[in-house]
């Protein structure tokens, strides 16, 4: 397995994931201020708030993928995480992209200070659902948030 940030070229990515589902991991961080979301500054879904996440690489264990994604996107080292459930993304397929299925992990312990990479235009804690959020992730958070994401938007300062 390569340590390169993008082990597939864009053409390889499109060719492979136009034929098979893409497995991803989603990183869920909670605090008293809410759930941490990042504002995507890259396609697809640029301009939408979302859970940090990424593609699981061939041969990679899921927890290792969570650690890699959290380190790359948030600058933290995951000490412990637990699976919360899965997220299907029919909107990607409907929009001619790919067909991902994400396994969401709640990070229950980490070290470091959150500092997002250049793929995020902003990072905030949310106690309520932001209006511009990835549809399937919003639905997932509503069903896994003990009611927090049923309230109107309440954004907290950047971490």
Protein backbone atom coordinates (compact mmCIF):
# COMPACT_ATOMS: atom_id res chain seq x y z
CA UNK A 1 0.00 0.00 0.00
CA UNK A 2 1.31 3.43 -0.93
CA UNK A 3 1.69 6.35 1.46
CA UNK A 4 1.03 8.72 -1.45
CA UNK A 5 -1.92 11.03 -0.62
CA UNK A 6 -3.79 9.94 -3.77
CA UNK A 7 -2.79 6.40 -4.82
CA UNK A 8 -4.98 6.55 -7.95
CA UNK A 9 -4.86 9.01 -10.80
CA UNK A 10 -8.14 10.83 -11.48
CA UNK A 11 -8.69 8.64 -14.57
CA UNK A 12 -8.04 5.43 -12.59
CA UNK A 13 -10.39 6.62 -9.84
CA UNK A 14 -13.21 7.35 -12.32
CA UNK A 15 -12.65 4.08 -14.18
CA UNK A 16 -12.68 1.90 -11.07
CA UNK A 17 -15.49 3.60 -9.15
CA UNK A 18 -17.75 3.86 -12.18
CA UNK A 19 -17.98 0.05 -11.97
CA UNK A 20 -17.90 -0.81 -8.25
CA UNK A 21 -19.03 0.84 -4.99
CA UNK A 22 -16.44 2.92 -3.14
CA UNK A 23 -15.89 2.20 0.56
CA UNK A 24 -15.23 5.27 2.71
CA UNK A 25 -14.82 6.13 6.38
CA UNK A 26 -16.42 9.18 7.99
CA UNK A 27 -14.92 10.79 11.09
CA UNK A 28 -17.39 11.93 13.76
CA UNK A 29 -16.03 14.14 16.55
CA UNK A 30 -18.37 15.32 19.29
CA UNK A 31 -17.90 17.87 22.04
CA UNK A 32 -20.25 19.80 24.33
CA UNK A 33 -20.42 22.33 21.45
CA UNK A 34 -21.79 19.72 19.01
CA UNK A 35 -20.39 17.79 16.06
CA UNK A 36 -17.33 18.92 14.12
CA UNK A 37 -18.03 19.62 10.44
CA UNK A 38 -15.79 20.96 7.70
CA UNK A 39 -16.84 23.11 4.76
CA UNK A 40 -15.62 21.39 1.61
CA UNK A 41 -13.40 23.53 -0.58
CA UNK A 42 -12.91 20.82 -3.24
CA UNK A 43 -15.22 18.88 -5.54
CA UNK A 44 -17.39 16.96 -5.25
CA UNK A 45 -19.78 18.73 -2.92
CA UNK A 46 -17.75 21.95 -2.71
CA UNK A 47 -19.47 24.48 -0.46
CA UNK A 48 -21.28 21.89 1.68
CA UNK A 49 -20.68 21.17 5.33
CA UNK A 50 -19.75 17.54 5.86
CA UNK A 51 -18.10 14.98 8.08
CA UNK A 52 -14.41 14.59 7.31
CA UNK A 53 -13.89 11.34 5.45
CA UNK A 54 -12.11 9.50 2.70
CA UNK A 55 -11.72 6.35 0.65
CA UNK A 56 -10.46 3.17 2.28
CA UNK A 57 -7.39 1.96 0.44
CA UNK A 58 -6.91 -1.59 -0.79
CA UNK A 59 -5.78 -3.80 2.11
CA UNK A 60 -6.23 -1.03 4.69
CA UNK A 61 -7.98 -1.80 7.98
CA UNK A 62 -10.93 0.47 8.70
CA UNK A 63 -9.48 1.91 11.91
CA UNK A 64 -6.22 2.61 10.08
CA UNK A 65 -8.22 4.48 7.43
CA UNK A 66 -9.94 6.52 10.17
CA UNK A 67 -6.52 7.39 11.64
CA UNK A 68 -5.10 8.34 8.22
CA UNK A 69 -8.11 10.48 7.27
CA UNK A 70 -8.24 12.23 10.67
CA UNK A 71 -4.51 12.97 10.52
CA UNK A 72 -4.66 14.26 6.93
CA UNK A 73 -7.89 16.26 7.15
CA UNK A 74 -7.87 17.40 10.79
CA UNK A 75 -4.25 17.10 11.96
CA UNK A 76 -5.12 14.87 14.92
CA UNK A 77 -3.97 11.42 15.99
CA UNK A 78 -6.87 9.07 16.72
CA UNK A 79 -6.30 7.01 19.87
CA UNK A 80 -9.70 5.29 19.96
CA UNK A 81 -12.79 5.20 17.75
CA UNK A 82 -15.95 3.15 17.55
CA UNK A 83 -18.23 2.40 14.59
CA UNK A 84 -21.56 4.23 14.59
CA UNK A 85 -23.18 2.87 11.44
CA UNK A 86 -23.09 3.28 7.70
CA UNK A 87 -24.06 5.99 5.24
CA UNK A 88 -25.16 5.24 1.69
CA UNK A 89 -24.76 8.07 -0.84
CA UNK A 90 -27.36 7.72 -3.61
CA UNK A 91 -26.95 11.43 -4.44
CA UNK A 92 -23.46 10.73 -5.77
CA UNK A 93 -24.78 8.10 -8.18
CA UNK A 94 -27.76 10.29 -9.13
CA UNK A 95 -25.33 13.11 -9.99
CA UNK A 96 -23.12 10.89 -12.16
CA UNK A 97 -20.25 10.66 -9.68
CA UNK A 98 -19.63 7.32 -7.98
CA UNK A 99 -21.44 5.09 -5.50
CA UNK A 100 -19.86 5.39 -2.05
CA UNK A 101 -20.84 3.65 1.15
CA UNK A 102 -19.33 5.17 4.26
CA UNK A 103 -18.75 3.62 7.63
CA UNK A 104 -18.98 6.33 10.27
CA UNK A 105 -16.68 6.15 13.27
CA UNK A 106 -17.00 8.26 16.39
CA UNK A 107 -13.58 9.32 17.61
CA UNK A 108 -13.72 8.87 21.39
CA UNK A 109 -10.08 9.79 22.11
CA UNK A 110 -7.47 11.72 20.17
CA UNK A 111 -4.34 13.76 20.65
CA UNK A 112 -3.32 16.99 19.00
CA UNK A 113 -5.05 20.22 18.12
CA UNK A 114 -7.58 20.27 15.30
CA UNK A 115 -6.27 22.17 12.29
CA UNK A 116 -7.92 21.29 8.97
CA UNK A 117 -6.03 20.91 5.73
CA UNK A 118 -6.54 22.95 2.56
CA UNK A 119 -9.51 20.79 1.45
CA UNK A 120 -11.66 22.63 4.03
CA UNK A 121 -12.62 26.28 3.71
CA UNK A 122 -13.82 26.30 7.33
CA UNK A 123 -14.27 24.03 10.35
CA UNK A 124 -16.84 24.48 13.11
CA UNK A 125 -18.69 22.70 15.87
CA UNK A 126 -22.44 22.49 15.21
CA UNK A 127 -25.18 21.81 17.73
CA UNK A 128 -27.80 22.07 14.98
CA UNK A 129 -27.97 21.21 11.30
CA UNK A 130 -26.40 23.74 8.93
CA UNK A 131 -28.55 24.53 5.90
CA UNK A 132 -25.87 23.69 3.33
CA UNK A 133 -24.97 20.15 4.38
CA UNK A 134 -24.44 16.92 2.50
CA UNK A 135 -27.93 15.35 2.45
CA UNK A 136 -27.05 11.78 3.41
CA UNK A 137 -24.71 12.84 6.19
CA UNK A 138 -27.36 15.19 7.58
CA UNK A 139 -29.85 12.32 7.66
CA UNK A 140 -27.29 10.09 9.38
CA UNK A 141 -26.48 12.69 12.03
CA UNK A 142 -30.17 13.28 12.72
CA UNK A 143 -30.61 9.58 13.41
CA UNK A 144 -27.43 9.27 15.54
CA UNK A 145 -27.32 12.49 17.53
CA UNK A 146 -29.68 12.10 20.50
CA UNK A 147 -31.86 14.87 19.07
CA UNK A 148 -29.15 17.51 18.78
CA UNK A 149 -29.49 17.79 15.01
CA UNK A 150 -33.24 18.26 15.16
CA UNK A 151 -32.76 21.75 16.59
CA UNK A 152 -32.21 24.83 14.42
CA UNK A 153 -28.65 25.67 13.42
CA UNK A 154 -26.28 26.74 16.17
CA UNK A 155 -22.72 27.12 14.99
CA UNK A 156 -19.90 27.38 17.47
CA UNK A 157 -16.54 29.10 16.91
CA UNK A 158 -13.80 27.34 15.04
CA UNK A 159 -11.88 24.73 17.04
